[in-house]
Protein backbone atom coordinates (compact mmCIF):
# COMPACT_ATOMS: atom_id res chain seq x y z
CA MET A 1 107.73 -164.08 16.62
CA ALA A 2 108.98 -160.50 16.29
CA GLU A 3 107.76 -157.86 18.71
CA LYS A 4 105.61 -155.10 17.35
CA PRO A 5 107.64 -151.85 17.26
CA GLN A 6 106.47 -149.19 19.70
CA PRO A 7 105.72 -145.70 18.37
CA VAL A 8 108.38 -143.08 19.00
CA ARG A 9 107.37 -140.40 21.50
CA ALA A 10 108.53 -137.04 20.19
CA MET A 11 108.92 -134.12 22.58
CA TYR A 12 107.93 -130.60 21.55
CA CYS A 13 108.69 -127.29 23.22
CA GLY A 14 105.83 -125.99 25.35
CA VAL A 15 106.48 -122.42 24.18
CA CYS A 16 107.23 -122.48 20.45
CA SER A 17 106.02 -126.04 19.65
CA LEU A 18 109.24 -126.94 17.83
CA PRO A 19 111.30 -129.97 18.79
CA PRO A 20 113.64 -128.84 21.60
CA GLU A 21 116.78 -129.23 19.49
CA TYR A 22 115.37 -126.67 17.01
CA CYS A 23 114.26 -124.04 19.53
CA GLU A 24 117.48 -122.08 19.12
CA PHE A 25 116.56 -121.43 15.48
CA GLY A 26 113.06 -120.19 16.29
CA SER A 27 112.07 -116.59 16.87
CA ASP A 28 111.17 -117.10 20.56
CA PHE A 29 114.37 -118.72 21.83
CA ASP A 30 114.62 -116.31 24.79
CA LYS A 31 111.09 -117.29 25.85
CA CYS A 32 111.90 -120.98 25.38
CA LYS A 33 114.99 -120.94 27.63
CA PRO A 34 113.17 -121.47 30.97
CA TRP A 35 111.15 -124.36 29.52
CA LEU A 36 114.28 -125.95 28.05
CA ILE A 37 116.21 -125.65 31.33
CA GLN A 38 113.37 -127.28 33.22
CA ASN A 39 112.46 -130.08 30.78
CA VAL A 40 115.63 -130.92 28.79
CA PRO A 41 118.65 -129.56 30.70
CA ASP A 42 121.06 -132.02 29.05
CA LEU A 43 120.26 -130.70 25.55
CA TYR A 44 121.58 -127.18 26.17
CA PRO A 45 124.21 -127.36 28.94
CA ASP A 46 125.28 -123.77 28.24
CA LEU A 47 121.78 -122.56 29.20
CA LEU A 48 122.03 -124.39 32.49
CA LYS A 49 125.37 -122.72 33.28
CA GLU A 50 123.97 -119.34 32.25
CA ALA A 51 120.90 -119.81 34.46
CA ASN A 52 123.04 -120.83 37.43
CA GLU A 53 125.21 -117.73 36.97
CA LYS A 54 122.13 -115.50 36.78
CA GLU A 55 120.72 -117.04 39.94
CA ALA A 56 124.03 -116.48 41.70
CA ASP A 57 124.03 -112.84 40.53
CA LYS A 58 120.45 -112.35 41.78
CA VAL A 59 121.32 -113.78 45.19
CA ALA A 60 124.42 -111.58 45.37
CA ASP A 61 122.37 -108.49 44.43
CA LYS A 62 119.77 -109.30 47.10
CA LEU A 63 122.47 -109.74 49.72
CA GLN A 64 124.14 -106.49 48.69
CA SER A 65 120.86 -104.54 48.77
CA THR A 66 119.99 -105.88 52.24
CA VAL A 67 123.47 -105.00 53.51
CA ILE A 68 123.19 -101.47 52.12
CA SER A 69 119.68 -100.88 53.50
CA SER A 70 120.49 -102.28 56.95
CA GLY A 71 124.00 -100.79 57.08
CA GLY A 72 122.91 -97.14 57.27
CA SER A 73 121.85 -96.07 60.75
CA ASP A 74 119.63 -93.21 59.58
CA GLY A 75 118.08 -95.21 56.70
CA ALA A 76 119.13 -92.67 54.07
CA ALA A 77 120.11 -95.34 51.57
CA SER A 78 116.75 -97.11 51.73
CA SER A 79 114.75 -93.90 51.39
CA ALA A 80 116.65 -92.70 48.33
CA PRO A 81 114.33 -92.39 45.32
CA LYS A 82 114.67 -95.10 42.71
CA GLN A 83 116.11 -93.97 39.41
CA GLU A 84 113.72 -94.16 36.51
CA GLU A 85 114.55 -96.90 34.07
CA VAL A 86 115.85 -95.31 30.91
CA LYS A 87 115.05 -96.95 27.59
CA ARG A 88 118.26 -97.52 25.67
CA LEU A 89 118.28 -97.89 21.91
CA PRO A 90 120.84 -99.94 19.97
CA GLY A 91 124.16 -98.12 20.01
CA GLY A 92 123.65 -96.93 23.59
CA LYS A 93 121.50 -93.91 22.72
CA ILE A 94 118.83 -92.95 25.25
CA LYS A 95 115.26 -92.80 24.02
CA LYS A 96 113.63 -89.50 24.89
CA LYS A 97 110.12 -89.35 26.29
CA GLU A 98 107.62 -87.95 23.85
CA LYS A 99 106.35 -84.48 24.65
CA GLN A 100 102.60 -84.24 24.83
CA GLU A 101 101.86 -81.77 22.10
CA VAL A 102 99.60 -81.50 19.08
CA VAL A 103 101.33 -80.27 15.92
CA ILE A 104 99.28 -78.82 13.06
CA GLU A 105 100.91 -78.36 9.68
CA LYS A 106 99.54 -77.03 6.41
CA VAL A 107 100.97 -78.78 3.34
CA ILE A 108 100.37 -77.19 -0.07
CA ARG A 109 100.33 -79.46 -3.11
CA ASN A 110 99.75 -78.70 -6.80
CA LYS A 111 100.09 -74.95 -6.11
CA ARG A 112 96.50 -74.53 -4.88
CA LYS A 113 95.36 -77.60 -2.99
CA CYS A 114 95.97 -77.83 0.74
CA ILE A 115 96.15 -80.62 3.30
CA THR A 116 96.17 -79.92 7.02
CA THR A 117 97.91 -82.59 9.09
CA VAL A 118 97.25 -83.05 12.80
CA LYS A 119 99.85 -85.01 14.77
CA GLY A 120 99.94 -85.95 18.45
CA LEU A 121 96.26 -86.20 19.40
CA GLU A 122 96.74 -89.85 20.44
CA LEU A 123 99.13 -88.71 23.20
CA PHE A 124 96.14 -87.17 24.98
CA GLY A 125 94.06 -90.36 24.79
CA VAL A 126 92.08 -89.33 21.71
CA LYS A 127 91.16 -92.15 19.33
CA LEU A 128 92.36 -90.99 15.91
CA SER A 129 89.61 -92.66 13.89
CA ASP A 130 86.92 -90.89 15.93
CA ALA A 131 88.82 -87.60 15.72
CA SER A 132 89.09 -87.83 11.93
CA LYS A 133 85.34 -88.43 11.64
CA LYS A 134 84.57 -85.43 13.85
CA LEU A 135 86.99 -83.20 11.93
CA GLY A 136 85.51 -84.31 8.61
CA LYS A 137 81.95 -83.56 9.77
CA LYS A 138 82.80 -80.22 11.38
CA PHE A 139 84.68 -78.83 8.39
CA ALA A 140 82.64 -80.68 5.71
CA THR A 141 85.70 -82.21 4.12
CA GLY A 142 87.57 -85.49 3.81
CA ALA A 143 89.67 -86.59 6.76
CA SER A 144 91.60 -89.81 7.24
CA VAL A 145 94.13 -91.45 9.53
CA VAL A 146 97.41 -92.14 7.70
CA LYS A 147 100.95 -93.11 8.61
CA GLY A 148 103.27 -90.16 8.44
CA PRO A 149 106.90 -90.10 7.32
CA THR A 150 108.06 -91.17 10.81
CA GLU A 151 105.74 -94.23 10.78
CA LYS A 152 103.45 -92.57 13.33
CA GLU A 153 99.77 -92.15 12.65
CA GLN A 154 98.42 -88.70 11.91
CA ILE A 155 95.19 -87.19 10.62
CA ASP A 156 95.15 -85.67 7.14
CA VAL A 157 92.30 -83.24 6.52
CA GLN A 158 91.66 -81.89 3.02
CA GLY A 159 91.66 -78.13 2.83
CA ASP A 160 93.06 -75.26 4.86
CA ILE A 161 91.27 -75.54 8.21
CA ALA A 162 94.06 -74.12 10.37
CA TYR A 163 91.97 -71.04 11.17
CA ASP A 164 89.36 -72.87 13.31
CA ILE A 165 91.01 -76.14 14.27
CA VAL A 166 92.53 -74.98 17.58
CA GLU A 167 89.16 -73.91 18.99
CA PHE A 168 87.53 -77.11 17.75
CA ILE A 169 90.21 -79.34 19.34
CA THR A 170 90.06 -77.59 22.74
CA GLU A 171 86.24 -77.64 22.80
CA THR A 172 85.85 -81.25 21.63
CA TRP A 173 88.65 -82.74 23.74
CA PRO A 174 89.07 -80.76 26.98
CA ASP A 175 92.10 -82.91 27.95
CA VAL A 176 94.10 -81.13 25.24
CA PRO A 177 95.23 -77.73 26.59
CA GLU A 178 95.63 -74.85 24.15
CA THR A 179 99.23 -74.40 25.31
CA ALA A 180 100.07 -77.86 23.94
CA ILE A 181 98.98 -77.01 20.38
CA PHE A 182 101.61 -75.81 17.91
CA PHE A 183 101.66 -74.78 14.24
CA ILE A 184 104.49 -75.45 11.81
CA GLU A 185 105.13 -72.21 9.92
CA ASP A 186 108.13 -71.79 7.63
CA GLY A 187 109.74 -74.88 9.16
CA ARG A 188 109.50 -73.55 12.72
CA LYS A 189 107.21 -74.63 15.54
CA VAL A 190 105.01 -71.73 16.66
CA PRO A 191 102.64 -71.92 19.67
CA ALA A 192 98.96 -71.62 18.76
CA ALA A 193 98.05 -69.68 21.90
């Protein structure tokens, strides 16, 4: 009599839930690498070599840092301030930190209609949806949160409210200093204060 065939046990990645041989084609291959090294090291031998090299580099860095910190008699090397990690963009460009400032711009459309845009309130911890509601109620006009041309959210308020908006912002949100509020006039940034 023939033996009953046993079901095949398939293995799936614990991170991306694909079969391990397909992980490299998934979107989370970098996250899958530790799981693959631990559970199926024979499937990706290059990963194992790469991991061993990284471990060797880490050990060498630790040894070098302990030699440097213990080598100086006055401890000057160990008390040196750490350099801030700089965010690098593709192409090697350095990403600048955003300045905390609120920029108000008046945009005229159809020769008479005006829209006042407020950018940068979120940098001071202000929730834009709440801010748009408050601006709409205060100035009795429509206000909404929209994505600007740079894919950042901004508040568009219907009408020309630039005359009172600085006082309203500083009174409503005391974290926003008046020195951090700027107007865009004739393509130039002008301080509001």
